[in-house]
Protein backbone atom coordinates (compact mmCIF):
# COMPACT_ATOMS: atom_id res chain seq x y z
CA MET A 1 -7.42 282.31 15.29
CA THR A 2 -4.90 282.05 12.54
CA VAL A 3 -3.66 278.86 10.95
CA TYR A 4 -1.31 278.90 8.00
CA VAL A 5 -0.67 276.40 5.13
CA ASP A 6 2.12 276.42 2.52
CA PRO A 7 1.72 275.12 -1.00
CA PRO A 8 2.01 271.37 -1.51
CA THR A 9 5.66 271.33 -2.72
CA TRP A 10 7.16 268.71 -0.41
CA PRO A 11 7.43 265.24 -1.91
CA GLY A 12 7.01 262.13 0.11
CA HIS A 13 5.37 258.66 -0.14
CA GLY A 14 4.42 259.20 -3.79
CA ARG A 15 2.59 262.44 -3.28
CA MET A 16 3.05 266.15 -2.53
CA TRP A 17 2.56 267.67 0.93
CA SER A 18 1.77 270.95 2.61
CA HIS A 19 2.54 272.04 6.16
CA LEU A 20 -0.29 273.37 8.38
CA ILE A 21 0.81 275.50 11.30
CA SER A 22 -0.44 277.88 13.96
CA ASP A 23 1.43 280.97 15.18
CA VAL A 24 -0.53 280.94 18.51
CA SER A 25 -0.60 277.47 20.06
CA TYR A 26 -0.60 273.78 19.28
CA ASP A 27 -4.14 273.64 20.78
CA GLU A 28 -5.34 275.99 18.12
CA LEU A 29 -3.62 273.95 15.47
CA HIS A 30 -5.08 270.59 16.76
CA ALA A 31 -8.58 272.10 16.89
CA PHE A 32 -8.21 273.29 13.29
CA ALA A 33 -6.90 269.97 12.12
CA GLU A 34 -9.70 268.15 13.98
CA LYS A 35 -12.32 270.38 12.22
CA LEU A 36 -10.77 269.20 8.86
CA ASP A 37 -10.72 265.52 10.03
CA VAL A 38 -6.95 265.40 9.74
CA PRO A 39 -5.72 262.47 11.79
CA ARG A 40 -3.48 263.40 14.78
CA ARG A 41 -0.85 260.99 13.43
CA ALA A 42 -0.24 263.59 10.69
CA PHE A 43 1.14 265.95 13.36
CA GLU A 44 4.97 266.08 13.37
CA ARG A 45 6.64 268.09 16.14
CA ASP A 46 5.23 271.51 15.25
CA HIS A 47 3.07 271.16 12.16
CA TYR A 48 0.66 268.82 10.37
CA ASP A 49 1.64 267.20 7.12
CA LEU A 50 -1.26 267.81 4.72
CA PRO A 51 -1.54 265.86 1.54
CA SER A 52 -1.96 268.02 -1.66
CA HIS A 53 -5.61 266.91 -2.27
CA ARG A 54 -6.56 268.54 1.13
CA TYR A 55 -4.82 271.96 0.54
CA ALA A 56 -8.01 273.58 -0.88
CA ASP A 57 -9.98 272.22 2.11
CA ALA A 58 -7.65 273.92 4.57
CA VAL A 59 -7.91 277.22 2.72
CA ARG A 60 -11.69 276.98 2.52
CA ALA A 61 -11.74 276.37 6.29
CA GLY A 62 -9.82 279.56 6.91
CA ALA A 63 -6.12 278.69 6.71
CA VAL A 64 -4.01 281.56 5.37
CA GLU A 65 -1.86 280.71 2.31
CA VAL A 66 1.89 281.51 2.83
CA GLY A 67 5.10 280.38 1.26
CA SER A 68 7.26 277.76 2.87
CA ARG A 69 9.79 280.23 4.15
CA GLU A 70 7.01 282.17 5.84
CA VAL A 71 5.94 279.02 7.65
CA VAL A 72 9.37 278.64 9.11
CA ARG A 73 9.54 282.28 10.05
CA LEU A 74 6.12 282.24 11.72
CA LEU A 75 7.02 279.17 13.79
CA HIS A 76 10.28 280.74 14.96
CA ALA A 77 8.65 284.12 15.72
CA SER A 78 5.92 282.37 17.77
CA GLY A 79 8.35 280.22 19.69
CA LEU A 80 6.50 277.07 18.50
CA ARG A 81 9.30 275.73 16.28
CA ARG A 82 10.52 272.31 17.36
CA ARG A 83 13.54 271.03 15.64
CA LYS A 84 14.28 267.38 14.95
CA LEU A 85 16.51 265.74 17.47
CA PRO A 86 19.74 264.20 16.12
């Protein structure tokens, strides 16, 4: 089971955010997020938005730290990338 998290460099709603992804399945990602008590409403198409204060929790729980570009590459390579609809 591998879940990845990028650094909290994405601004929004007055705070910084990370993206939590899986390169295997959404089920794996949902299970990991549930273990961290991340609400399902934080799931957006193919990732969870994770506030900066939860970044260390994700890493302690086993998420692998990667850069933001690597998150996108992993999602594309796994076939799990879902683009926003126009």
